[in-house]
Amino acid sequence: MRGKSVPPSIAIVGPCGAGKSTLARELQARGIQARQIAQEHSFAPTMWQHLTKPDILIFLDASYETCTQRKNLNWLPKEYAKQVHRLQHARQYCHIYVKTDHLKPEEVMDQVLSSESFA
């Protein structure tokens, strides 16, 4: 267990448009070491482990429709499905999972900070 004076290192993964960069900025603004990992673009399933060795892995998830709308993406469902496939390992081993479809950024932050992994 980490002491209160040493903030955990955080890695954030998820499909494009799930809110990774927004959450990383918000955590960093609170002095928490957070980094978004572009795992959805990597063919190496454990890239997130090799880049950061995080204390906490956060998986932000969102539907194809939500991701497309948020990022104004011109992609096909099969491209989204490829990202989901590339994220399987990270999703399996994440400490915190948040479905962001119907959440505002501050609600995502609240869920993350109130999770047991931050206790």
N, C-alpha and C. Protein backbone atom coordinates (compact mmCIF):
# COMPACT_ATOMS: atom_id res chain seq x y z
N MET A 1 0.85 -1.19 0.00
CA MET A 1 0.00 0.00 0.00
C MET A 1 0.89 1.24 0.00
N ARG A 2 0.49 2.22 -0.77
CA ARG A 2 1.27 3.45 -0.91
C ARG A 2 0.93 4.41 0.22
N GLY A 3 1.92 5.17 0.65
CA GLY A 3 1.68 6.20 1.64
C GLY A 3 0.97 7.38 1.02
N LYS A 4 0.28 8.16 1.82
CA LYS A 4 -0.48 9.31 1.32
C LYS A 4 0.42 10.37 0.69
N SER A 5 1.68 10.44 1.10
CA SER A 5 2.57 11.49 0.59
C SER A 5 3.15 11.15 -0.78
N VAL A 6 3.08 9.90 -1.21
CA VAL A 6 3.63 9.50 -2.51
C VAL A 6 2.47 9.15 -3.44
N PRO A 7 2.18 10.04 -4.40
CA PRO A 7 1.07 9.73 -5.30
C PRO A 7 1.43 8.57 -6.23
N PRO A 8 0.46 7.76 -6.58
CA PRO A 8 0.73 6.63 -7.47
C PRO A 8 1.00 7.09 -8.90
N SER A 9 1.71 6.28 -9.66
CA SER A 9 1.85 6.56 -11.09
C SER A 9 0.67 5.90 -11.79
N ILE A 10 0.11 6.63 -12.73
CA ILE A 10 -1.13 6.21 -13.38
C ILE A 10 -0.89 6.07 -14.88
N ALA A 11 -1.40 4.99 -15.46
CA ALA A 11 -1.45 4.84 -16.91
C ALA A 11 -2.93 4.75 -17.29
N ILE A 12 -3.28 5.42 -18.38
CA ILE A 12 -4.68 5.46 -18.83
C ILE A 12 -4.74 4.92 -20.25
N VAL A 13 -5.60 3.94 -20.46
CA VAL A 13 -5.79 3.35 -21.77
C VAL A 13 -7.27 3.36 -22.13
N GLY A 14 -7.55 3.16 -23.41
CA GLY A 14 -8.93 3.08 -23.89
C GLY A 14 -8.97 3.44 -25.36
N PRO A 15 -10.11 3.25 -25.99
CA PRO A 15 -10.21 3.59 -27.41
C PRO A 15 -10.14 5.10 -27.63
N CYS A 16 -9.83 5.49 -28.86
CA CYS A 16 -9.82 6.91 -29.22
C CYS A 16 -11.17 7.53 -28.89
N GLY A 17 -11.15 8.62 -28.16
CA GLY A 17 -12.39 9.31 -27.83
C GLY A 17 -13.00 8.93 -26.50
N ALA A 18 -12.36 8.04 -25.76
CA ALA A 18 -12.92 7.61 -24.47
C ALA A 18 -12.67 8.62 -23.36
N GLY A 19 -11.69 9.54 -23.54
CA GLY A 19 -11.43 10.56 -22.53
C GLY A 19 -10.07 10.46 -21.87
N LYS A 20 -9.14 9.73 -22.46
CA LYS A 20 -7.82 9.52 -21.85
C LYS A 20 -7.05 10.82 -21.63
N SER A 21 -6.95 11.64 -22.65
CA SER A 21 -6.14 12.86 -22.51
C SER A 21 -6.79 13.83 -21.54
N THR A 22 -8.09 13.91 -21.53
CA THR A 22 -8.80 14.79 -20.60
C THR A 22 -8.55 14.35 -19.16
N LEU A 23 -8.67 13.06 -18.90
CA LEU A 23 -8.44 12.55 -17.55
C LEU A 23 -6.98 12.75 -17.14
N ALA A 24 -6.05 12.48 -18.04
CA ALA A 24 -4.64 12.66 -17.72
C ALA A 24 -4.35 14.11 -17.33
N ARG A 25 -4.88 15.06 -18.08
CA ARG A 25 -4.68 16.48 -17.75
C ARG A 25 -5.26 16.82 -16.38
N GLU A 26 -6.44 16.32 -16.10
CA GLU A 26 -7.09 16.61 -14.81
C GLU A 26 -6.31 16.01 -13.64
N LEU A 27 -5.81 14.80 -13.82
CA LEU A 27 -5.02 14.18 -12.75
C LEU A 27 -3.70 14.93 -12.56
N GLN A 28 -3.06 15.29 -13.66
CA GLN A 28 -1.80 16.04 -13.58
C GLN A 28 -2.01 17.38 -12.89
N ALA A 29 -3.14 18.02 -13.13
CA ALA A 29 -3.44 19.31 -12.49
C ALA A 29 -3.55 19.16 -10.97
N ARG A 30 -3.81 17.94 -10.51
CA ARG A 30 -3.90 17.66 -9.08
C ARG A 30 -2.59 17.09 -8.52
N GLY A 31 -1.54 17.14 -9.33
CA GLY A 31 -0.24 16.68 -8.89
C GLY A 31 -0.05 15.18 -8.94
N ILE A 32 -0.91 14.49 -9.67
CA ILE A 32 -0.83 13.04 -9.79
C ILE A 32 -0.12 12.70 -11.10
N GLN A 33 0.88 11.84 -11.02
CA GLN A 33 1.64 11.43 -12.19
C GLN A 33 0.76 10.53 -13.05
N ALA A 34 0.26 11.05 -14.17
CA ALA A 34 -0.64 10.30 -15.04
C ALA A 34 -0.19 10.42 -16.49
N ARG A 35 -0.35 9.34 -17.21
CA ARG A 35 0.06 9.31 -18.61
C ARG A 35 -0.94 8.50 -19.42
N GLN A 36 -1.38 9.05 -20.52
CA GLN A 36 -2.21 8.27 -21.42
C GLN A 36 -1.30 7.41 -22.29
N ILE A 37 -1.72 6.20 -22.54
CA ILE A 37 -0.95 5.25 -23.34
C ILE A 37 -1.78 4.93 -24.59
N ALA A 38 -1.16 5.02 -25.74
CA ALA A 38 -1.86 4.75 -27.02
C ALA A 38 -1.88 3.25 -27.30
N GLN A 39 -2.28 2.49 -26.31
CA GLN A 39 -2.34 1.03 -26.43
C GLN A 39 -3.26 0.60 -27.57
N GLU A 40 -4.27 1.38 -27.85
CA GLU A 40 -5.24 1.02 -28.90
C GLU A 40 -4.62 0.99 -30.29
N HIS A 41 -3.42 1.57 -30.44
CA HIS A 41 -2.74 1.60 -31.73
C HIS A 41 -1.58 0.61 -31.80
N SER A 42 -1.33 -0.13 -30.73
CA SER A 42 -0.16 -1.00 -30.67
C SER A 42 -0.54 -2.46 -30.89
N PHE A 43 0.33 -3.14 -31.62
CA PHE A 43 0.15 -4.58 -31.80
C PHE A 43 0.75 -5.36 -30.64
N ALA A 44 1.48 -4.68 -29.75
CA ALA A 44 2.06 -5.32 -28.57
C ALA A 44 1.05 -5.21 -27.43
N PRO A 45 0.43 -6.32 -27.04
CA PRO A 45 -0.64 -6.27 -26.03
C PRO A 45 -0.23 -5.72 -24.67
N THR A 46 1.06 -5.81 -24.34
CA THR A 46 1.51 -5.36 -23.02
C THR A 46 2.31 -4.06 -23.08
N MET A 47 2.14 -3.30 -24.15
CA MET A 47 2.88 -2.05 -24.30
C MET A 47 2.71 -1.15 -23.07
N TRP A 48 1.51 -1.09 -22.53
CA TRP A 48 1.24 -0.23 -21.37
C TRP A 48 2.14 -0.59 -20.20
N GLN A 49 2.47 -1.86 -20.03
CA GLN A 49 3.34 -2.28 -18.94
C GLN A 49 4.78 -1.87 -19.19
N HIS A 50 5.21 -1.96 -20.42
CA HIS A 50 6.61 -1.66 -20.75
C HIS A 50 6.90 -0.17 -20.74
N LEU A 51 5.92 0.64 -21.09
CA LEU A 51 6.15 2.09 -21.14
C LEU A 51 6.13 2.75 -19.78
N THR A 52 5.29 2.25 -18.88
CA THR A 52 5.11 2.98 -17.63
C THR A 52 5.29 2.17 -16.35
N LYS A 53 5.03 0.90 -16.36
CA LYS A 53 4.99 0.11 -15.13
C LYS A 53 4.17 0.85 -14.07
N PRO A 54 2.91 1.12 -14.38
CA PRO A 54 2.10 1.96 -13.49
C PRO A 54 1.71 1.25 -12.20
N ASP A 55 1.49 2.07 -11.17
CA ASP A 55 0.91 1.55 -9.94
C ASP A 55 -0.58 1.25 -10.15
N ILE A 56 -1.21 2.08 -10.98
CA ILE A 56 -2.64 1.94 -11.26
C ILE A 56 -2.87 2.07 -12.76
N LEU A 57 -3.59 1.10 -13.33
CA LEU A 57 -3.99 1.16 -14.73
C LEU A 57 -5.48 1.48 -14.80
N ILE A 58 -5.80 2.56 -15.49
CA ILE A 58 -7.20 2.98 -15.66
C ILE A 58 -7.61 2.67 -17.09
N PHE A 59 -8.73 2.01 -17.24
CA PHE A 59 -9.29 1.72 -18.56
C PHE A 59 -10.54 2.55 -18.72
N LEU A 60 -10.49 3.49 -19.67
CA LEU A 60 -11.68 4.27 -20.00
C LEU A 60 -12.29 3.64 -21.25
N ASP A 61 -13.56 3.39 -21.19
CA ASP A 61 -14.25 2.73 -22.29
C ASP A 61 -15.37 3.62 -22.79
N ALA A 62 -15.67 3.53 -24.07
CA ALA A 62 -16.79 4.25 -24.67
C ALA A 62 -17.18 3.51 -25.93
N SER A 63 -18.42 3.64 -26.29
CA SER A 63 -18.95 2.96 -27.47
C SER A 63 -18.41 3.58 -28.76
N TYR A 64 -18.55 2.84 -29.84
CA TYR A 64 -18.16 3.33 -31.17
C TYR A 64 -18.85 4.66 -31.46
N GLU A 65 -20.14 4.74 -31.17
CA GLU A 65 -20.90 5.95 -31.46
C GLU A 65 -20.38 7.15 -30.66
N THR A 66 -20.13 6.95 -29.39
CA THR A 66 -19.63 8.03 -28.54
C THR A 66 -18.24 8.48 -28.99
N CYS A 67 -17.35 7.53 -29.23
CA CYS A 67 -15.99 7.87 -29.65
C CYS A 67 -16.00 8.63 -30.97
N THR A 68 -16.83 8.18 -31.89
CA THR A 68 -16.93 8.83 -33.20
C THR A 68 -17.40 10.26 -33.06
N GLN A 69 -18.40 10.46 -32.23
CA GLN A 69 -18.95 11.80 -32.02
C GLN A 69 -17.96 12.72 -31.31
N ARG A 70 -17.34 12.24 -30.26
CA ARG A 70 -16.41 13.07 -29.48
C ARG A 70 -15.21 13.54 -30.28
N LYS A 71 -14.67 12.67 -31.10
CA LYS A 71 -13.45 12.99 -31.85
C LYS A 71 -13.73 13.37 -33.30
N ASN A 72 -15.02 13.39 -33.67
CA ASN A 72 -15.41 13.68 -35.06
C ASN A 72 -14.61 12.78 -36.01
N LEU A 73 -14.57 11.49 -35.67
CA LEU A 73 -13.80 10.52 -36.44
C LEU A 73 -14.58 10.04 -37.65
N ASN A 74 -13.88 9.80 -38.70
CA ASN A 74 -14.46 9.23 -39.91
C ASN A 74 -13.89 7.82 -40.04
N TRP A 75 -14.37 6.93 -39.21
CA TRP A 75 -13.87 5.57 -39.20
C TRP A 75 -15.02 4.59 -39.24
N LEU A 76 -14.69 3.34 -39.46
CA LEU A 76 -15.69 2.29 -39.57
C LEU A 76 -15.74 1.48 -38.28
N PRO A 77 -16.87 0.83 -38.02
CA PRO A 77 -16.96 -0.02 -36.82
C PRO A 77 -15.84 -1.06 -36.74
N LYS A 78 -15.36 -1.55 -37.88
CA LYS A 78 -14.29 -2.55 -37.84
C LYS A 78 -12.98 -1.95 -37.32
N GLU A 79 -12.76 -0.66 -37.55
CA GLU A 79 -11.56 0.00 -37.02
C GLU A 79 -11.66 0.16 -35.51
N TYR A 80 -12.85 0.49 -35.03
CA TYR A 80 -13.09 0.55 -33.58
C TYR A 80 -12.89 -0.84 -32.97
N ALA A 81 -13.41 -1.86 -33.64
CA ALA A 81 -13.27 -3.23 -33.15
C ALA A 81 -11.81 -3.63 -33.04
N LYS A 82 -10.97 -3.18 -33.97
CA LYS A 82 -9.52 -3.45 -33.89
C LYS A 82 -8.94 -2.83 -32.63
N GLN A 83 -9.36 -1.62 -32.32
CA GLN A 83 -8.86 -0.97 -31.10
C GLN A 83 -9.29 -1.75 -29.87
N VAL A 84 -10.53 -2.15 -29.83
CA VAL A 84 -11.04 -2.92 -28.70
C VAL A 84 -10.23 -4.21 -28.54
N HIS A 85 -9.93 -4.86 -29.65
CA HIS A 85 -9.14 -6.09 -29.60
C HIS A 85 -7.74 -5.81 -29.04
N ARG A 86 -7.12 -4.74 -29.49
CA ARG A 86 -5.77 -4.40 -29.03
C ARG A 86 -5.74 -4.00 -27.56
N LEU A 87 -6.88 -3.66 -27.02
CA LEU A 87 -6.98 -3.24 -25.62
C LEU A 87 -7.35 -4.37 -24.66
N GLN A 88 -7.56 -5.57 -25.17
CA GLN A 88 -8.04 -6.68 -24.34
C GLN A 88 -7.16 -6.94 -23.12
N HIS A 89 -5.85 -6.99 -23.31
CA HIS A 89 -4.94 -7.28 -22.20
C HIS A 89 -5.03 -6.20 -21.13
N ALA A 90 -5.02 -4.95 -21.56
CA ALA A 90 -5.10 -3.84 -20.61
C ALA A 90 -6.43 -3.88 -19.86
N ARG A 91 -7.51 -4.17 -20.56
CA ARG A 91 -8.81 -4.24 -19.89
C ARG A 91 -8.82 -5.36 -18.86
N GLN A 92 -8.22 -6.47 -19.20
CA GLN A 92 -8.18 -7.61 -18.29
C GLN A 92 -7.43 -7.28 -17.00
N TYR A 93 -6.38 -6.46 -17.10
CA TYR A 93 -5.53 -6.18 -15.95
C TYR A 93 -5.71 -4.79 -15.34
N CYS A 94 -6.70 -4.05 -15.78
CA CYS A 94 -6.88 -2.71 -15.23
C CYS A 94 -7.33 -2.76 -13.78
N HIS A 95 -6.96 -1.72 -13.05
CA HIS A 95 -7.38 -1.57 -11.66
C HIS A 95 -8.70 -0.82 -11.57
N ILE A 96 -8.90 0.08 -12.51
CA ILE A 96 -10.11 0.91 -12.52
C ILE A 96 -10.69 0.88 -13.93
N TYR A 97 -11.98 0.58 -14.03
CA TYR A 97 -12.68 0.56 -15.32
C TYR A 97 -13.82 1.56 -15.24
N VAL A 98 -13.87 2.48 -16.22
CA VAL A 98 -14.95 3.47 -16.24
C VAL A 98 -15.52 3.52 -17.65
N LYS A 99 -16.80 3.30 -17.77
CA LYS A 99 -17.52 3.47 -19.03
C LYS A 99 -17.93 4.94 -19.09
N THR A 100 -17.41 5.67 -20.07
CA THR A 100 -17.54 7.13 -20.09
C THR A 100 -18.66 7.67 -20.98
N ASP A 101 -19.40 6.80 -21.64
CA ASP A 101 -20.39 7.24 -22.62
C ASP A 101 -21.29 8.37 -22.13
N HIS A 102 -21.82 8.24 -20.95
CA HIS A 102 -22.81 9.22 -20.46
C HIS A 102 -22.28 10.05 -19.30
N LEU A 103 -20.95 10.14 -19.20
CA LEU A 103 -20.35 10.88 -18.10
C LEU A 103 -19.66 12.15 -18.58
N LYS A 104 -19.75 13.19 -17.78
CA LYS A 104 -18.98 14.40 -18.01
C LYS A 104 -17.57 14.16 -17.48
N PRO A 105 -16.58 14.92 -17.97
CA PRO A 105 -15.20 14.71 -17.48
C PRO A 105 -15.07 14.74 -15.96
N GLU A 106 -15.79 15.63 -15.30
CA GLU A 106 -15.68 15.70 -13.84
C GLU A 106 -16.29 14.46 -13.17
N GLU A 107 -17.27 13.84 -13.81
CA GLU A 107 -17.85 12.60 -13.27
C GLU A 107 -16.88 11.43 -13.44
N VAL A 108 -16.15 11.41 -14.54
CA VAL A 108 -15.11 10.39 -14.73
C VAL A 108 -14.05 10.55 -13.64
N MET A 109 -13.62 11.79 -13.42
CA MET A 109 -12.62 12.07 -12.39
C MET A 109 -13.12 11.63 -11.02
N ASP A 110 -14.35 11.93 -10.70
CA ASP A 110 -14.93 11.53 -9.41
C ASP A 110 -14.89 10.01 -9.24
N GLN A 111 -15.27 9.29 -10.29
CA GLN A 111 -15.26 7.82 -10.20
C GLN A 111 -13.85 7.29 -9.98
N VAL A 112 -12.90 7.86 -10.69
CA VAL A 112 -11.51 7.43 -10.56
C VAL A 112 -11.00 7.70 -9.15
N LEU A 113 -11.17 8.93 -8.68
CA LEU A 113 -10.64 9.30 -7.36
C LEU A 113 -11.35 8.61 -6.20
N SER A 114 -12.59 8.19 -6.41
CA SER A 114 -13.31 7.51 -5.33
C SER A 114 -13.15 5.99 -5.38
N SER A 115 -12.39 5.49 -6.33
CA SER A 115 -12.21 4.04 -6.44
C SER A 115 -11.32 3.54 -5.31
N GLU A 116 -11.43 2.26 -5.03
CA GLU A 116 -10.63 1.63 -3.98
C GLU A 116 -9.14 1.71 -4.28
N SER A 117 -8.78 1.75 -5.54
CA SER A 117 -7.36 1.78 -5.92
C SER A 117 -6.68 3.07 -5.46
N PHE A 118 -7.45 4.13 -5.26
CA PHE A 118 -6.89 5.39 -4.78
C PHE A 118 -6.95 5.53 -3.27
N ALA A 119 -7.57 4.58 -2.61
CA ALA A 119 -7.71 4.67 -1.15
C ALA A 119 -6.39 4.46 -0.44
